[in-house]
Each structure stands twice: as structure tokens, then as C-alpha cells.
Amino acid sequence: MIGPRVNGSRHLEIVLREIERNEGALAHAHPDLDQAACVLEGEALVENDDEPYNVKAGDLPYFPARVFHNIKVASPVIRLLVIYAPPYDERSEQVVTKR
């Protein structure tokens, strides 16, 4: 939607993600970028720095840089607008996983 490869944005990236139940990412953190995710549809359990809470359509969880987070989809699917600042652009050096 918005990002380096879409329109040349250097400070912001917004992507539409759809994640099905039993899919998603392991707990991870982004060392140098903040992330937020506007829930458009569905429900999930989010863990933010090991603190779990439920999210649903209309919620906007925020994940600061260096804070481990993950999402466990509770509904059949969840649709999110994911916002990164600065852009993530799928750069592997911007992801750290728990060991």
C-alpha cells in the first residue's frame, strides 16, 4: 500500500496482511522500528512483551522497537493494516527472534 517498493516512502510502510488461524510469526522484535496493526476483521490473542491481551476489529495494538511480540489468530482469519516506521521492507536484519 505504502512503502519503499510501492511509492518510494522512506519513513513509513503500510501493508495489508491476512493471517489464517494457526498461522503467524513466532515471538520477535524489530530492533530499529516501531510497529502497529489496525485490526480490520477477526480476533486474536496478542502478546506484547509477554503480556497477553485480546484484540478485535477496530483495535490498534502497538509494538515499540525492541519489544518482543506475536499474534495467535482466534477467528478463522484476521485482516490487519500493519504500519512500520521506519519501513520494514522485509529486511531480515530488522527481525530478532527469542532463543
C-alpha atoms as a PDB file:
ATOM      1  CA  MET A   1       0.000   0.000   0.000  1.00  0.00           C
ATOM      2  CA  ILE A   2       2.702   2.476   1.088  1.00  0.00           C
ATOM      3  CA  GLY A   3       6.409   1.737   1.281  1.00  0.00           C
ATOM      4  CA  PRO A   4       9.824   1.897  -0.367  1.00  0.00           C
ATOM      5  CA  ARG A   5       8.929  -0.515  -3.178  1.00  0.00           C
ATOM      6  CA  VAL A   6       5.440   0.881  -3.725  1.00  0.00           C
ATOM      7  CA  ASN A   7       5.846   4.646  -3.808  1.00  0.00           C
ATOM      8  CA  GLY A   8       9.347   5.336  -2.504  1.00  0.00           C
ATOM      9  CA  SER A   9       8.330   6.154   1.079  1.00  0.00           C
ATOM     10  CA  ARG A  10      11.427   6.345   3.280  1.00  0.00           C
ATOM     11  CA  HIS A  11       9.748   6.958   6.649  1.00  0.00           C
ATOM     12  CA  LEU A  12       6.574   4.852   6.696  1.00  0.00           C
ATOM     13  CA  GLU A  13       5.315   1.492   5.443  1.00  0.00           C
ATOM     14  CA  ILE A  14       1.702   0.268   5.490  1.00  0.00           C
ATOM     15  CA  VAL A  15       0.828  -3.248   4.335  1.00  0.00           C
ATOM     16  CA  LEU A  16      -2.393  -5.252   4.286  1.00  0.00           C
ATOM     17  CA  ARG A  17      -1.955  -8.664   5.929  1.00  0.00           C
ATOM     18  CA  GLU A  18      -4.359 -11.578   6.158  1.00  0.00           C
ATOM     19  CA  ILE A  19      -3.413 -14.344   8.584  1.00  0.00           C
ATOM     20  CA  GLU A  20      -5.360 -17.579   8.960  1.00  0.00           C
ATOM     21  CA  ARG A  21      -5.849 -19.447  12.217  1.00  0.00           C
ATOM     22  CA  ASN A  22      -2.755 -21.499  13.146  1.00  0.00           C
ATOM     23  CA  GLU A  23      -0.517 -19.240  11.031  1.00  0.00           C
ATOM     24  CA  GLY A  24       1.589 -16.254  12.030  1.00  0.00           C
ATOM     25  CA  ALA A  25       5.037 -15.401  13.334  1.00  0.00           C
ATOM     26  CA  LEU A  26       6.990 -16.601  16.348  1.00  0.00           C
ATOM     27  CA  ALA A  27       7.716 -14.075  19.065  1.00  0.00           C
ATOM     28  CA  HIS A  28      10.020 -11.483  17.537  1.00  0.00           C
ATOM     29  CA  ALA A  29      11.146  -7.880  17.895  1.00  0.00           C
ATOM     30  CA  HIS A  30      12.283  -5.181  15.494  1.00  0.00           C
ATOM     31  CA  PRO A  31      15.466  -3.502  16.766  1.00  0.00           C
ATOM     32  CA  ASP A  32      15.076  -0.174  14.999  1.00  0.00           C
ATOM     33  CA  LEU A  33      11.426   0.291  14.083  1.00  0.00           C
ATOM     34  CA  ASP A  34       8.016   0.663  15.678  1.00  0.00           C
ATOM     35  CA  GLN A  35       5.027  -1.373  14.508  1.00  0.00           C
ATOM     36  CA  ALA A  36       1.261  -1.028  14.897  1.00  0.00           C
ATOM     37  CA  ALA A  37      -1.537  -3.148  13.439  1.00  0.00           C
ATOM     38  CA  CYS A  38      -5.057  -1.880  12.834  1.00  0.00           C
ATOM     39  CA  VAL A  39      -7.409  -4.880  13.120  1.00  0.00           C
ATOM     40  CA  LEU A  40      -9.896  -4.698  10.247  1.00  0.00           C
ATOM     41  CA  GLU A  41     -11.577  -8.067  10.735  1.00  0.00           C
ATOM     42  CA  GLY A  42     -11.283 -11.042  13.083  1.00  0.00           C
ATOM     43  CA  GLU A  43      -9.934 -11.674  16.562  1.00  0.00           C
ATOM     44  CA  ALA A  44      -6.582 -12.692  18.018  1.00  0.00           C
ATOM     45  CA  LEU A  45      -4.557 -13.037  21.183  1.00  0.00           C
ATOM     46  CA  VAL A  46      -1.610 -10.647  21.068  1.00  0.00           C
ATOM     47  CA  GLU A  47       1.435 -10.950  23.299  1.00  0.00           C
ATOM     48  CA  ASN A  48       3.378  -7.751  23.728  1.00  0.00           C
ATOM     49  CA  ASP A  49       6.477  -8.131  25.925  1.00  0.00           C
ATOM     50  CA  ASP A  50       4.918 -11.354  27.345  1.00  0.00           C
ATOM     51  CA  GLU A  51       1.691  -9.520  28.308  1.00  0.00           C
ATOM     52  CA  PRO A  52      -1.288 -11.202  26.567  1.00  0.00           C
ATOM     53  CA  TYR A  53      -4.446  -9.354  25.540  1.00  0.00           C
ATOM     54  CA  ASN A  54      -7.277  -9.926  23.080  1.00  0.00           C
ATOM     55  CA  VAL A  55      -7.805  -7.764  20.003  1.00  0.00           C
ATOM     56  CA  LYS A  56     -10.754  -7.455  17.634  1.00  0.00           C
ATOM     57  CA  ALA A  57     -11.870  -5.293  14.699  1.00  0.00           C
ATOM     58  CA  GLY A  58     -11.216  -1.639  15.487  1.00  0.00           C
ATOM     59  CA  ASP A  59      -8.308  -2.271  17.879  1.00  0.00           C
ATOM     60  CA  LEU A  60      -4.820  -0.899  17.210  1.00  0.00           C
ATOM     61  CA  PRO A  61      -2.079  -2.785  19.081  1.00  0.00           C
ATOM     62  CA  TYR A  62       1.304  -1.022  19.173  1.00  0.00           C
ATOM     63  CA  PHE A  63       4.690  -2.762  19.322  1.00  0.00           C
ATOM     64  CA  PRO A  64       7.609  -0.456  20.179  1.00  0.00           C
ATOM     65  CA  ALA A  65      11.084  -1.180  18.841  1.00  0.00           C
ATOM     66  CA  ARG A  66      12.946  -3.934  20.726  1.00  0.00           C
ATOM     67  CA  VAL A  67       9.749  -5.311  22.350  1.00  0.00           C
ATOM     68  CA  PHE A  68       9.012  -8.981  21.623  1.00  0.00           C
ATOM     69  CA  HIS A  69       5.524  -9.609  20.268  1.00  0.00           C
ATOM     70  CA  ASN A  70       3.423 -12.209  18.474  1.00  0.00           C
ATOM     71  CA  ILE A  71      -0.150 -12.867  17.427  1.00  0.00           C
ATOM     72  CA  LYS A  72      -2.277 -16.005  17.741  1.00  0.00           C
ATOM     73  CA  VAL A  73      -5.329 -15.833  15.485  1.00  0.00           C
ATOM     74  CA  ALA A  74      -8.540 -16.860  17.293  1.00  0.00           C
ATOM     75  CA  SER A  75     -11.023 -16.407  14.429  1.00  0.00           C
ATOM     76  CA  PRO A  76     -10.796 -18.245  11.091  1.00  0.00           C
ATOM     77  CA  VAL A  77      -8.847 -15.282   9.678  1.00  0.00           C
ATOM     78  CA  ILE A  78      -7.656 -11.847  10.761  1.00  0.00           C
ATOM     79  CA  ARG A  79      -7.129  -8.896   8.418  1.00  0.00           C
ATOM     80  CA  LEU A  80      -4.716  -6.174   9.524  1.00  0.00           C
ATOM     81  CA  LEU A  81      -3.270  -2.936   8.271  1.00  0.00           C
ATOM     82  CA  VAL A  82       0.293  -3.205   9.554  1.00  0.00           C
ATOM     83  CA  ILE A  83       2.218   0.036   9.972  1.00  0.00           C
ATOM     84  CA  TYR A  84       6.012   0.235  10.301  1.00  0.00           C
ATOM     85  CA  ALA A  85       8.080   3.347  10.966  1.00  0.00           C
ATOM     86  CA  PRO A  86      10.623   3.486   9.503  1.00  0.00           C
ATOM     87  CA  PRO A  87       9.779   0.941   6.768  1.00  0.00           C
ATOM     88  CA  TYR A  88      10.487  -2.733   7.451  1.00  0.00           C
ATOM     89  CA  ASP A  89      10.577  -3.693   3.756  1.00  0.00           C
ATOM     90  CA  GLU A  90      11.069  -7.386   4.729  1.00  0.00           C
ATOM     91  CA  ARG A  91      14.709  -6.750   5.736  1.00  0.00           C
ATOM     92  CA  SER A  92      15.926  -9.715   7.789  1.00  0.00           C
ATOM     93  CA  GLU A  93      18.235  -7.524   9.898  1.00  0.00           C
ATOM     94  CA  GLN A  94      15.091  -5.846  11.260  1.00  0.00           C
ATOM     95  CA  VAL A  95      13.863  -9.047  12.964  1.00  0.00           C
ATOM     96  CA  VAL A  96      15.202 -10.617  16.156  1.00  0.00           C
ATOM     97  CA  THR A  97      13.659 -13.849  17.497  1.00  0.00           C
ATOM     98  CA  LYS A  98      13.740 -15.249  21.013  1.00  0.00           C
ATOM     99  CA  ARG A  99      16.237 -18.029  21.569  1.00  0.00           C
END
